[in-house]
């Protein structure tokens, strides 16, 4: 049986049906002569339509605007308690005019090559220092002005207790006539310049006041010599004599002011108050306490 060839009309219809099906799938079987059933929803899902779903928007706050954020209070940066630099403890001060520095009987009298004693033949009230229990020695029975004698005995006790040194009073009060003899002897031995750097003229000597003591120590040598400063007793005296009212009257390197060479054995009584003041303020010469002129020569 011969199958007849399709006519041009049939070919055109078939092409039209295929195009329709590809463009409109819901056309179902149009080319088969039946109507396509509608989908259960009647429309394609949004995803099938290729349309992106809109992003959900944030719900506004009830007031219609963003809740205001409380502005934090900025606290000042703590600076901490300010550090107060402590002031140096002031050195105890007192009236430097409470005693005369001119009258021979004053505990603060300043006598040197420019300042003779007034009166020049002054004689103090004296007392003999008596040491007990071997805590000091006065082998020649020398005397001192009474306050200096009492203080020396107390200093002897402390020197023995603290350094095991037995202090010896090698020279104390000298009268005007005794000082005349000492001065002449030194000048004859050493010449005027050197002699007067060691021994004062009569009327110009601290020993005449009874307030000066030349000290040494038993068994330590260097009596009335500069090497006494290196002994145990010499070091102890330099560091502690102020506690008992004494000062090293002629320190090393101060000859241009005091007029005398270094005498580490010569201690002058001025009282505890002034001696402590001198020590605390590192004053090296008695003249400097009152800013007196230097006295290198007569």
Protein backbone atom coordinates (compact mmCIF):
# COMPACT_ATOMS: atom_id res chain seq x y z
CA UNK A 1 0.00 0.00 0.00
CA UNK A 2 1.46 3.40 -0.98
CA UNK A 3 1.62 6.09 1.64
CA UNK A 4 0.68 9.38 0.09
CA UNK A 5 3.22 12.24 0.44
CA UNK A 6 2.27 15.07 2.78
CA UNK A 7 1.10 18.16 1.16
CA UNK A 8 2.64 21.59 1.81
CA UNK A 9 -0.41 22.52 3.89
CA UNK A 10 0.12 19.55 6.18
CA UNK A 11 3.80 20.40 6.63
CA UNK A 12 2.99 24.03 7.50
CA UNK A 13 0.37 22.94 10.03
CA UNK A 14 2.73 20.52 11.71
CA UNK A 15 5.45 23.23 12.04
CA UNK A 16 2.92 25.64 13.51
CA UNK A 17 1.81 23.09 16.11
CA UNK A 18 5.39 22.35 17.19
CA UNK A 19 6.18 26.05 17.56
CA UNK A 20 3.03 26.60 19.59
CA UNK A 21 3.81 23.70 21.95
CA UNK A 22 7.34 24.92 22.56
CA UNK A 23 6.17 28.45 23.32
CA UNK A 24 2.98 27.58 25.21
CA UNK A 25 3.39 24.29 27.04
CA UNK A 26 -0.13 24.61 28.47
CA UNK A 27 -1.46 24.14 24.98
CA UNK A 28 -1.29 20.48 25.91
CA UNK A 29 -1.92 18.33 22.94
CA UNK A 30 -3.23 20.94 20.61
CA UNK A 31 -1.67 19.16 17.75
CA UNK A 32 -3.40 15.94 18.95
CA UNK A 33 -6.79 17.65 18.97
CA UNK A 34 -7.27 17.81 22.84
CA UNK A 35 -7.23 20.75 25.35
CA UNK A 36 -4.54 20.74 28.11
CA UNK A 37 -5.85 20.57 31.67
CA UNK A 38 -5.02 23.59 33.77
CA UNK A 39 -2.58 23.13 36.62
CA UNK A 40 -4.18 22.74 40.06
CA UNK A 41 -3.23 26.28 41.07
CA UNK A 42 -4.09 27.75 37.76
CA UNK A 43 -0.74 29.52 37.55
CA UNK A 44 2.92 28.76 37.71
CA UNK A 45 4.70 29.22 41.04
CA UNK A 46 6.65 32.45 41.44
CA UNK A 47 9.86 30.49 41.22
CA UNK A 48 8.80 28.97 37.90
CA UNK A 49 8.09 32.43 36.59
CA UNK A 50 11.75 33.35 37.13
CA UNK A 51 10.92 36.37 39.27
CA UNK A 52 13.08 36.74 42.39
CA UNK A 53 11.11 37.07 45.60
CA UNK A 54 11.59 40.44 47.25
CA UNK A 55 13.73 40.47 50.40
CA UNK A 56 11.63 40.91 53.53
CA UNK A 57 11.91 44.45 54.89
CA UNK A 58 12.70 45.18 58.54
CA UNK A 59 9.67 46.07 60.57
CA UNK A 60 9.84 49.65 61.75
CA UNK A 61 9.91 50.36 65.46
CA UNK A 62 6.58 51.44 66.99
CA UNK A 63 7.68 55.04 66.99
CA UNK A 64 8.49 54.87 63.34
CA UNK A 65 12.14 55.73 63.92
CA UNK A 66 15.19 53.99 65.29
CA UNK A 67 15.33 53.81 69.07
CA UNK A 68 17.74 56.58 70.16
CA UNK A 69 20.91 55.34 71.80
CA UNK A 70 21.71 57.02 75.10
CA UNK A 71 24.81 59.13 74.78
CA UNK A 72 27.30 57.86 77.38
CA UNK A 73 28.63 60.36 79.87
CA UNK A 74 32.36 60.64 79.48
CA UNK A 75 33.98 60.51 82.90
CA UNK A 76 37.17 62.50 83.25
CA UNK A 77 40.28 60.38 83.28
CA UNK A 78 41.30 59.99 86.91
CA UNK A 79 44.56 61.68 87.57
CA UNK A 80 45.16 59.96 90.87
CA UNK A 81 46.20 61.61 94.09
CA UNK A 82 48.98 64.07 93.30
CA UNK A 83 52.29 63.04 94.77
CA UNK A 84 53.62 65.65 97.11
CA UNK A 85 57.38 65.75 97.29
CA UNK A 86 58.22 65.94 100.95
CA UNK A 87 60.26 68.93 101.94
CA UNK A 88 63.52 68.22 103.68
CA UNK A 89 63.16 68.19 107.42
CA UNK A 90 64.28 71.65 108.42
CA UNK A 91 67.32 71.78 110.60
CA UNK A 92 66.30 72.92 114.06
CA UNK A 93 67.04 76.60 114.34
CA UNK A 94 67.43 78.79 117.35
CA UNK A 95 68.45 82.29 118.14
CA UNK A 96 72.18 82.67 117.60
CA UNK A 97 72.21 85.75 119.77
CA UNK A 98 71.17 84.14 123.05
CA UNK A 99 74.78 84.20 124.28
CA UNK A 100 77.53 86.72 123.67
CA UNK A 101 80.39 85.78 121.36
CA UNK A 102 82.54 88.61 122.71
CA UNK A 103 82.55 88.20 126.49
CA UNK A 104 85.10 85.72 127.81
CA UNK A 105 82.68 84.12 130.29
CA UNK A 106 80.13 83.24 127.58
CA UNK A 107 79.90 79.56 126.49
CA UNK A 108 79.80 80.82 122.90
CA UNK A 109 82.73 83.21 123.06
CA UNK A 110 84.76 83.22 119.85
CA UNK A 111 88.43 83.78 120.53
CA UNK A 112 91.04 83.73 117.78
CA UNK A 113 94.02 85.72 116.50
CA UNK A 114 91.75 88.69 115.73
CA UNK A 115 89.50 88.37 118.78
CA UNK A 116 91.29 88.56 122.15
CA UNK A 117 89.51 87.68 125.38
CA UNK A 118 87.64 90.42 127.19
CA UNK A 119 89.06 90.88 129.75
CA UNK A 120 92.39 89.67 128.43
CA UNK A 121 93.42 88.15 131.79
CA UNK A 122 90.09 86.34 132.22
CA UNK A 123 89.96 83.48 134.72
CA UNK A 124 86.92 81.10 134.69
CA UNK A 125 85.34 79.13 137.50
CA UNK A 126 86.80 75.68 137.09
CA UNK A 127 86.16 72.10 138.11
CA UNK A 128 88.24 68.93 137.93
CA UNK A 129 86.73 66.17 135.75
CA UNK A 130 86.57 62.93 137.73
CA UNK A 131 86.15 59.74 135.71
CA UNK A 132 84.86 56.59 137.41
CA UNK A 133 85.34 52.89 136.73
CA UNK A 134 88.14 53.53 134.27
CA UNK A 135 85.85 55.30 131.77
CA UNK A 136 88.26 58.16 131.17
CA UNK A 137 91.45 59.46 132.67
CA UNK A 138 92.71 62.76 134.08
CA UNK A 139 96.23 61.76 135.16
CA UNK A 140 97.45 65.33 135.74
CA UNK A 141 94.41 66.55 137.69
CA UNK A 142 93.65 69.18 135.06
CA UNK A 143 90.70 71.53 135.31
CA UNK A 144 88.02 72.81 132.94
CA UNK A 145 85.21 75.33 133.20
CA UNK A 146 82.48 73.58 135.19
CA UNK A 147 79.98 72.86 132.36
CA UNK A 148 82.78 71.53 130.15
CA UNK A 149 84.08 69.30 132.97
CA UNK A 150 80.66 67.73 133.53
CA UNK A 151 80.14 67.16 129.81
CA UNK A 152 83.59 65.59 129.38
CA UNK A 153 82.89 62.97 132.05
CA UNK A 154 79.64 61.99 130.27
CA UNK A 155 81.44 61.86 126.94
CA UNK A 156 84.10 59.63 128.48
CA UNK A 157 81.43 57.15 129.58
CA UNK A 158 79.93 57.03 126.08
CA UNK A 159 83.31 56.68 124.38
CA UNK A 160 84.15 53.71 126.58
CA UNK A 161 80.74 52.06 126.08
CA UNK A 162 80.59 52.60 122.33
CA UNK A 163 84.21 52.32 121.20
CA UNK A 164 86.05 50.84 124.20
CA UNK A 165 88.21 53.96 124.21
CA UNK A 166 89.51 55.45 127.45
CA UNK A 167 89.74 59.18 126.87
CA UNK A 168 92.62 61.08 128.46
CA UNK A 169 92.48 64.79 129.28
CA UNK A 170 95.92 65.86 128.09
CA UNK A 171 95.43 69.61 128.45
CA UNK A 172 92.64 71.77 129.85
CA UNK A 173 92.39 75.19 131.43
CA UNK A 174 95.52 77.34 131.15
CA UNK A 175 95.88 80.63 132.98
CA UNK A 176 97.21 83.76 131.29
CA UNK A 177 100.65 83.14 132.77
CA UNK A 178 100.66 79.46 131.78
CA UNK A 179 99.72 80.36 128.22
CA UNK A 180 102.57 82.86 128.15
CA UNK A 181 105.00 80.05 128.93
CA UNK A 182 103.47 77.65 126.35
CA UNK A 183 103.56 80.28 123.62
CA UNK A 184 107.19 81.18 124.22
CA UNK A 185 108.19 77.54 124.28
CA UNK A 186 106.55 76.73 120.91
CA UNK A 187 107.95 79.80 119.20
CA UNK A 188 111.42 78.97 120.48
CA UNK A 189 111.15 75.40 119.23
CA UNK A 190 109.45 75.93 115.85
CA UNK A 191 109.85 79.59 114.96
CA UNK A 192 107.24 82.30 115.19
CA UNK A 193 105.09 81.37 112.18
CA UNK A 194 104.90 77.64 112.84
CA UNK A 195 104.89 78.08 116.61
CA UNK A 196 101.93 80.47 116.49
CA UNK A 197 100.04 78.03 114.28
CA UNK A 198 100.12 75.67 117.27
CA UNK A 199 100.10 77.88 120.35
CA UNK A 200 98.14 81.08 120.86
CA UNK A 201 99.48 84.19 122.43
CA UNK A 202 98.33 84.78 126.01
CA UNK A 203 94.91 86.38 126.07
CA UNK A 204 94.06 84.84 122.68
CA UNK A 205 93.80 81.20 123.71
CA UNK A 206 90.68 79.06 124.01
CA UNK A 207 92.42 77.14 126.80
CA UNK A 208 92.25 80.30 128.95
CA UNK A 209 88.43 80.12 128.82
CA UNK A 210 88.43 76.65 130.38
CA UNK A 211 86.18 75.45 127.55
CA UNK A 212 88.89 73.71 125.49
CA UNK A 213 90.14 70.16 126.05
CA UNK A 214 93.04 68.42 124.34
CA UNK A 215 92.21 64.71 124.27
CA UNK A 216 94.03 61.45 123.61
CA UNK A 217 93.24 57.81 124.37
CA UNK A 218 94.92 55.12 126.44
CA UNK A 219 96.91 52.68 124.31
CA UNK A 220 96.03 54.25 120.94
CA UNK A 221 99.10 56.43 120.43
CA UNK A 222 99.27 59.65 118.39
CA UNK A 223 98.69 61.84 121.47
CA UNK A 224 98.58 65.51 120.43
CA UNK A 225 99.49 64.57 116.85
CA UNK A 226 97.50 64.76 113.63
CA UNK A 227 97.47 60.97 113.32
CA UNK A 228 95.06 60.95 116.29
CA UNK A 229 92.32 61.47 113.69
CA UNK A 230 92.95 57.91 112.45
CA UNK A 231 92.61 56.26 115.85
CA UNK A 232 89.42 54.65 117.13
CA UNK A 233 88.99 57.39 119.71
CA UNK A 234 89.74 60.16 117.22
CA UNK A 235 87.12 58.88 114.79
CA UNK A 236 84.55 58.40 117.53
CA UNK A 237 85.09 61.92 118.85
CA UNK A 238 84.78 63.49 115.41
CA UNK A 239 81.46 61.71 114.88
CA UNK A 240 79.93 61.97 118.35
CA UNK A 241 81.37 64.84 120.38
CA UNK A 242 78.44 67.12 119.42
CA UNK A 243 76.11 64.90 121.47
CA UNK A 244 77.89 66.18 124.56
CA UNK A 245 78.32 69.81 123.48
CA UNK A 246 81.82 69.66 121.99
CA UNK A 247 83.01 70.60 118.49
CA UNK A 248 86.31 69.93 116.70
CA UNK A 249 87.59 73.49 116.83
CA UNK A 250 90.47 73.33 114.32
CA UNK A 251 89.45 71.02 111.46
CA UNK A 252 91.62 69.98 108.56
CA UNK A 253 91.96 72.52 105.75
CA UNK A 254 90.54 75.47 107.70
CA UNK A 255 93.78 77.16 108.81
CA UNK A 256 93.00 80.21 106.67
CA UNK A 257 89.88 80.81 108.78
CA UNK A 258 90.84 79.60 112.25
CA UNK A 259 94.51 80.55 112.15
CA UNK A 260 95.61 77.14 113.44
CA UNK A 261 96.70 73.91 111.80
CA UNK A 262 94.61 70.75 111.92
CA UNK A 263 94.29 69.69 115.57
CA UNK A 264 92.12 66.54 115.76
CA UNK A 265 92.70 66.42 119.53
CA UNK A 266 91.39 69.93 120.36
CA UNK A 267 87.68 69.97 121.28
CA UNK A 268 85.82 73.08 122.34
CA UNK A 269 82.73 73.03 124.55
CA UNK A 270 79.85 75.20 123.26
CA UNK A 271 76.84 73.31 124.64
CA UNK A 272 74.73 70.57 123.08
CA UNK A 273 72.34 72.91 121.29
CA UNK A 274 74.96 74.84 119.35
CA UNK A 275 77.18 71.80 118.78
CA UNK A 276 74.23 69.91 117.27
CA UNK A 277 73.36 72.90 115.08
CA UNK A 278 76.95 73.07 113.82
CA UNK A 279 77.00 69.33 113.09
CA UNK A 280 73.61 69.30 111.35
CA UNK A 281 74.54 72.23 109.13
CA UNK A 282 78.03 70.90 108.39
CA UNK A 283 79.68 74.07 109.60
CA UNK A 284 83.42 73.50 109.85
CA UNK A 285 84.64 76.56 111.72
CA UNK A 286 83.11 78.32 114.71
CA UNK A 287 83.72 81.66 112.99
CA UNK A 288 81.36 80.65 110.19
CA UNK A 289 78.36 80.27 112.52
CA UNK A 290 78.19 84.06 112.81
CA UNK A 291 79.98 84.86 109.54
CA UNK A 292 82.93 86.38 111.35
CA UNK A 293 86.04 87.48 109.47
CA UNK A 294 88.78 84.92 109.00
CA UNK A 295 91.65 85.15 111.44
CA UNK A 296 94.75 83.63 109.88
CA UNK A 297 97.12 86.04 111.62
CA UNK A 298 97.27 88.48 114.52
